[in-house]
Amino acid sequence: MRKVPMWLLSAALLAASFPLTAGAAERFITVASTTSTKNSGLFDHILPLFEKKTGIQVRVVAVGTGQAIRLARNGDADVLFVHHRPSEEKFVADGFGVQRFGVMYNDFVIAGPKDDPARIAGMRDAAKALKKIAGARAPFVSRGDDSGTHKKELALWRAAGVDTARASGTWYRETGSGMGATLNTASAMQGYALADRGTWLSFKNRAGLRVLVEGDTRLFNPYGVILVNPKRHPHVKADLGREFIAWLISPEGQAAIGAFRVNGQVLFKPNATAVTH
């Protein structure tokens, strides 16, 4: 009998084992989410708990909400987890998502330099505060990245009657970056910025910045999670995505979110709900 070369036998064994390896590798989902959920440390806290319970790995692509939605629309994610409800509801209404589930909320704050040249400290009306910043031509640093935070900021400028497009490059600066980088720039410039509270609380380089405006109902910041529609993108791992969503809104997942703290402070408050279309 002709002897089979060892290299050929090894190759055959490798080929035979490959389907099992590939099958095991399929136990993961891709979640398009925001920089705030990643940079705040929330995912580092909750994802190991979910993965231990289910064996499903979660690979997070953390970008601005606008970019996350584009990834999901293109079928480059299985689950969308962001914080701009009008965009989320449009995503579902347009047939790209199956259903929106509310998961948690926090709020936005306006941070600025301690000497507060625009004199906005303690104001409860965010739009009026922004108008005073514009009137003082004090530096304001915007993310400028189509994120949920950026969308909220632009809505507040519109409410204030300020055209930031005309001011771009003068007192109004756009970083095109995430929340942490934007706060770093604001710190360096001793400027103002709109930030989600989760990132603010976990932000280390405050260097003269403090929260000046908070508590306006327009600063409410809800987060929603949506399964990307497998009818639109058949490759979506719908069963695994549903398992992740079910865990997030379950008592166990909600407790994990509520237990996440930085320096003893709660960053996100669980409020699981569902909205159907």
Protein backbone atom coordinates (compact mmCIF):
# COMPACT_ATOMS: atom_id res chain seq x y z
CA MET A 1 0.00 0.00 0.00
CA ARG A 2 1.28 3.40 -0.93
CA LYS A 3 2.21 5.48 2.11
CA VAL A 4 0.31 8.76 2.48
CA PRO A 5 2.67 11.73 2.93
CA MET A 6 2.52 13.23 6.41
CA TRP A 7 1.87 16.74 5.05
CA LEU A 8 -1.13 15.50 3.10
CA LEU A 9 -2.52 13.72 6.15
CA SER A 10 -2.10 16.87 8.23
CA ALA A 11 -3.84 18.95 5.58
CA ALA A 12 -6.73 16.48 5.47
CA LEU A 13 -7.13 16.59 9.24
CA LEU A 14 -7.05 20.39 9.20
CA ALA A 15 -9.69 20.51 6.47
CA ALA A 16 -11.89 18.06 8.38
CA SER A 17 -11.71 20.16 11.53
CA PHE A 18 -12.30 23.49 9.79
CA PRO A 19 -16.12 23.29 9.61
CA LEU A 20 -16.26 22.76 13.38
CA THR A 21 -13.98 25.72 13.97
CA ALA A 22 -15.99 27.91 11.61
CA GLY A 23 -19.22 26.83 13.26
CA ALA A 24 -17.89 27.76 16.67
CA ALA A 25 -16.75 31.13 15.36
CA GLU A 26 -20.30 31.91 14.27
CA ARG A 27 -21.39 32.34 17.90
CA PHE A 28 -20.92 36.09 17.79
CA ILE A 29 -22.88 39.15 16.79
CA THR A 30 -21.81 42.57 15.63
CA VAL A 31 -23.42 45.51 17.41
CA ALA A 32 -23.25 48.98 15.87
CA SER A 33 -23.32 51.34 18.83
CA THR A 34 -22.22 54.72 20.07
CA THR A 35 -18.97 55.93 21.52
CA SER A 36 -20.75 56.78 24.78
CA THR A 37 -21.68 53.16 25.55
CA LYS A 38 -18.12 52.08 24.82
CA ASN A 39 -16.10 54.96 26.28
CA SER A 40 -18.11 55.12 29.48
CA GLY A 41 -17.11 51.54 30.27
CA LEU A 42 -20.68 50.20 30.17
CA PHE A 43 -19.95 47.49 27.62
CA ASP A 44 -16.86 46.37 29.52
CA HIS A 45 -19.17 45.86 32.49
CA ILE A 46 -22.20 44.15 30.94
CA LEU A 47 -20.91 42.19 27.94
CA PRO A 48 -18.82 39.67 29.92
CA LEU A 49 -21.97 38.85 31.92
CA PHE A 50 -23.97 38.21 28.75
CA GLU A 51 -21.20 36.23 27.09
CA LYS A 52 -20.73 34.04 30.16
CA LYS A 53 -24.46 33.29 30.29
CA THR A 54 -24.99 32.57 26.59
CA GLY A 55 -21.62 31.83 25.01
CA ILE A 56 -22.36 34.53 22.43
CA GLN A 57 -19.56 37.00 21.81
CA VAL A 58 -20.51 40.61 21.14
CA ARG A 59 -18.26 42.59 18.82
CA VAL A 60 -18.96 46.29 19.16
CA VAL A 61 -18.37 48.87 16.47
CA ALA A 62 -18.44 52.11 18.48
CA VAL A 63 -19.05 55.15 16.29
CA GLY A 64 -21.43 58.10 16.21
CA THR A 65 -25.13 57.28 16.02
CA GLY A 66 -25.41 58.47 12.41
CA GLN A 67 -22.57 56.24 11.29
CA ALA A 68 -23.88 53.33 13.38
CA ILE A 69 -27.25 53.61 11.64
CA ARG A 70 -25.56 53.65 8.22
CA LEU A 71 -23.64 50.50 9.12
CA ALA A 72 -26.87 48.79 10.19
CA ARG A 73 -28.74 49.97 7.08
CA ASN A 74 -25.98 48.42 4.96
CA GLY A 75 -26.27 45.12 6.80
CA ASP A 76 -22.84 45.48 8.43
CA ALA A 77 -24.25 44.81 11.91
CA ASP A 78 -26.75 42.45 13.47
CA VAL A 79 -27.98 44.82 16.18
CA LEU A 80 -28.20 48.61 16.44
CA PHE A 81 -27.83 50.19 19.91
CA VAL A 82 -27.90 54.01 19.77
CA HIS A 83 -29.40 57.15 21.31
CA HIS A 84 -31.34 59.28 18.86
CA ARG A 85 -34.94 58.15 19.02
CA PRO A 86 -36.25 59.94 15.89
CA SER A 87 -33.52 58.27 13.82
CA GLU A 88 -34.17 54.91 15.48
CA GLU A 89 -37.90 55.07 14.74
CA LYS A 90 -37.21 56.05 11.13
CA PHE A 91 -34.81 53.12 10.84
CA VAL A 92 -37.64 50.76 11.84
CA ALA A 93 -40.31 52.56 9.78
CA ASP A 94 -38.10 52.31 6.68
CA GLY A 95 -37.90 48.54 7.11
CA PHE A 96 -34.28 48.28 8.17
CA GLY A 97 -35.07 47.29 11.76
CA VAL A 98 -37.58 44.89 13.28
CA GLN A 99 -38.62 46.67 16.49
CA ARG A 100 -37.25 49.32 18.83
CA PHE A 101 -36.80 48.45 22.48
CA GLY A 102 -36.01 51.11 25.04
CA VAL A 103 -33.11 50.00 27.23
CA MET A 104 -31.88 52.85 29.43
CA TYR A 105 -31.43 56.58 29.64
CA ASN A 106 -29.23 59.28 31.04
CA ASP A 107 -29.02 62.95 30.15
CA PHE A 108 -26.87 65.55 28.47
CA VAL A 109 -25.05 68.36 30.23
CA ILE A 110 -23.39 71.53 29.05
CA ALA A 111 -19.87 71.67 30.43
CA GLY A 112 -17.58 74.66 30.29
CA PRO A 113 -14.69 76.49 31.92
CA LYS A 114 -14.86 77.29 35.59
CA ASP A 115 -14.65 81.04 34.97
CA ASP A 116 -17.73 80.70 32.69
CA PRO A 117 -17.32 83.77 30.43
CA ALA A 118 -20.85 83.34 28.99
CA ARG A 119 -22.37 83.35 32.51
CA ILE A 120 -24.58 80.29 32.02
CA ALA A 121 -23.90 78.45 35.29
CA GLY A 122 -27.09 77.24 36.95
CA MET A 123 -29.37 77.89 33.96
CA ARG A 124 -32.12 75.31 33.37
CA ASP A 125 -32.91 76.28 29.78
CA ALA A 126 -30.27 74.71 27.51
CA ALA A 127 -31.27 76.68 24.40
CA LYS A 128 -31.02 80.02 26.22
CA ALA A 129 -27.65 78.97 27.60
CA LEU A 130 -26.37 78.24 24.10
CA LYS A 131 -27.68 81.60 22.91
CA LYS A 132 -25.66 83.31 25.64
CA ILE A 133 -22.55 81.38 24.58
CA ALA A 134 -23.07 82.55 21.00
CA GLY A 135 -23.68 86.12 22.17
CA ALA A 136 -20.42 86.08 24.11
CA ARG A 137 -18.62 84.44 21.17
CA ALA A 138 -17.14 82.08 23.74
CA PRO A 139 -15.46 78.95 22.33
CA PHE A 140 -17.86 76.07 21.84
CA VAL A 141 -16.54 72.67 20.77
CA SER A 142 -18.93 70.44 18.82
CA ARG A 143 -18.47 66.78 17.95
CA GLY A 144 -19.56 67.58 14.40
CA ASP A 145 -19.78 63.86 13.61
CA ASP A 146 -23.51 63.17 13.07
CA SER A 147 -23.65 61.34 16.39
CA GLY A 148 -26.68 61.30 18.65
CA THR A 149 -24.99 63.94 20.79
CA HIS A 150 -24.30 66.09 17.73
CA LYS A 151 -27.90 65.75 16.55
CA LYS A 152 -29.15 66.83 19.97
CA GLU A 153 -26.76 69.76 20.01
CA LEU A 154 -27.90 70.97 16.57
CA ALA A 155 -31.55 70.75 17.67
CA LEU A 156 -30.74 72.93 20.68
CA TRP A 157 -28.94 75.49 18.51
CA ARG A 158 -32.00 75.64 16.24
CA ALA A 159 -34.18 76.21 19.30
CA ALA A 160 -31.80 79.01 20.29
CA GLY A 161 -32.07 80.60 16.83
CA VAL A 162 -28.30 80.39 16.24
CA ASP A 163 -26.84 79.49 12.83
CA THR A 164 -23.75 77.48 13.72
CA ALA A 165 -22.89 76.88 10.06
CA ARG A 166 -22.10 80.59 9.71
CA ALA A 167 -20.06 80.54 12.92
CA SER A 168 -18.06 77.43 11.99
CA GLY A 169 -14.34 77.99 12.36
CA THR A 170 -14.72 81.10 14.52
CA TRP A 171 -15.96 80.68 18.10
CA TYR A 172 -17.75 77.46 17.01
CA ARG A 173 -15.35 74.58 16.41
CA GLU A 174 -16.10 71.06 15.16
CA THR A 175 -13.79 68.16 15.97
CA GLY A 176 -15.38 65.44 13.82
CA SER A 177 -14.44 63.13 16.71
CA GLY A 178 -15.98 61.22 19.58
CA MET A 179 -17.05 62.57 22.93
CA GLY A 180 -13.76 62.01 24.74
CA ALA A 181 -11.69 63.75 22.07
CA THR A 182 -14.19 66.61 21.95
CA LEU A 183 -14.01 67.11 25.71
CA ASN A 184 -10.22 67.04 25.50
CA THR A 185 -10.37 69.82 22.90
CA ALA A 186 -12.83 71.83 25.00
CA SER A 187 -10.51 71.43 27.98
CA ALA A 188 -7.51 72.63 25.98
CA MET A 189 -9.45 75.61 24.57
CA GLN A 190 -11.27 76.37 27.82
CA GLY A 191 -14.46 76.12 25.79
CA TYR A 192 -17.99 74.82 26.22
CA ALA A 193 -19.35 71.47 25.00
CA LEU A 194 -22.48 69.35 25.14
CA ALA A 195 -21.71 65.92 26.60
CA ASP A 196 -23.66 62.84 27.60
CA ARG A 197 -23.44 62.39 31.35
CA GLY A 198 -22.05 58.87 31.08
CA THR A 199 -18.96 59.99 29.20
CA TRP A 200 -18.63 63.09 31.35
CA LEU A 201 -18.57 61.06 34.57
CA SER A 202 -15.96 58.67 33.19
CA PHE A 203 -13.88 61.47 31.63
CA LYS A 204 -10.59 61.98 33.45
CA ASN A 205 -9.07 65.08 31.82
CA ARG A 206 -11.53 67.72 33.03
CA ALA A 207 -8.75 70.29 33.55
CA GLY A 208 -10.83 73.29 34.46
CA LEU A 209 -14.16 72.13 33.02
CA ARG A 210 -17.31 71.70 35.09
CA VAL A 211 -21.00 71.02 34.50
CA LEU A 212 -22.76 74.36 34.12
CA VAL A 213 -26.22 73.50 32.73
CA GLU A 214 -28.31 70.42 33.49
CA GLY A 215 -31.88 69.42 34.26
CA ASP A 216 -33.64 70.75 31.14
CA THR A 217 -36.16 68.15 29.95
CA ARG A 218 -34.78 68.64 26.43
CA LEU A 219 -31.51 67.14 27.68
CA PHE A 220 -33.14 63.74 28.28
CA ASN A 221 -31.12 61.04 26.49
CA PRO A 222 -32.85 57.67 25.86
CA TYR A 223 -31.08 54.66 24.33
CA GLY A 224 -32.78 52.07 22.14
CA VAL A 225 -31.79 48.68 20.72
CA ILE A 226 -33.03 47.27 17.41
CA LEU A 227 -32.52 43.99 15.55
CA VAL A 228 -31.45 44.63 11.97
CA ASN A 229 -34.19 43.23 9.71
CA PRO A 230 -33.19 39.79 8.38
CA LYS A 231 -35.76 40.18 5.59
CA ARG A 232 -33.69 43.11 4.33
CA HIS A 233 -30.34 41.44 5.05
CA PRO A 234 -30.69 37.63 5.18
CA HIS A 235 -27.18 37.14 6.60
CA VAL A 236 -28.14 38.90 9.85
CA LYS A 237 -27.78 36.58 12.85
CA ALA A 238 -31.34 37.16 13.94
CA ASP A 239 -31.60 34.44 16.59
CA LEU A 240 -28.40 35.50 18.33
CA GLY A 241 -29.36 39.17 18.03
CA ARG A 242 -32.76 38.50 19.58
CA GLU A 243 -31.05 36.66 22.44
CA PHE A 244 -28.87 39.71 23.13
CA ILE A 245 -31.83 42.10 23.02
CA ALA A 246 -33.90 39.82 25.25
CA TRP A 247 -31.09 39.78 27.81
CA LEU A 248 -30.65 43.57 27.74
CA ILE A 249 -34.32 44.16 28.56
CA SER A 250 -34.64 41.25 31.00
CA PRO A 251 -34.49 41.83 34.76
CA GLU A 252 -30.95 40.41 34.73
CA GLY A 253 -29.73 42.74 31.98
CA GLN A 254 -31.48 45.74 33.44
CA ALA A 255 -29.95 45.04 36.85
CA ALA A 256 -26.50 44.82 35.25
CA ILE A 257 -26.97 48.22 33.59
CA GLY A 258 -28.24 49.77 36.81
CA ALA A 259 -25.33 48.35 38.79
CA PHE A 260 -22.72 50.04 36.58
CA ARG A 261 -21.16 52.97 38.42
CA VAL A 262 -18.19 55.26 38.10
CA ASN A 263 -16.94 56.78 41.35
CA GLY A 264 -20.15 55.63 42.99
CA GLN A 265 -22.40 57.38 40.48
CA VAL A 266 -24.94 55.63 38.24
CA LEU A 267 -24.22 56.39 34.58
CA PHE A 268 -27.27 54.83 32.93
CA LYS A 269 -30.73 54.22 34.35
CA PRO A 270 -32.52 51.11 33.02
CA ASN A 271 -36.00 51.62 31.55
CA ALA A 272 -36.78 48.67 29.27
CA THR A 273 -39.74 49.35 26.97
CA ALA A 274 -40.84 48.37 23.48
CA VAL A 275 -42.26 50.44 20.65
CA THR A 276 -43.91 48.62 17.77
CA HIS A 277 -44.56 49.85 14.27
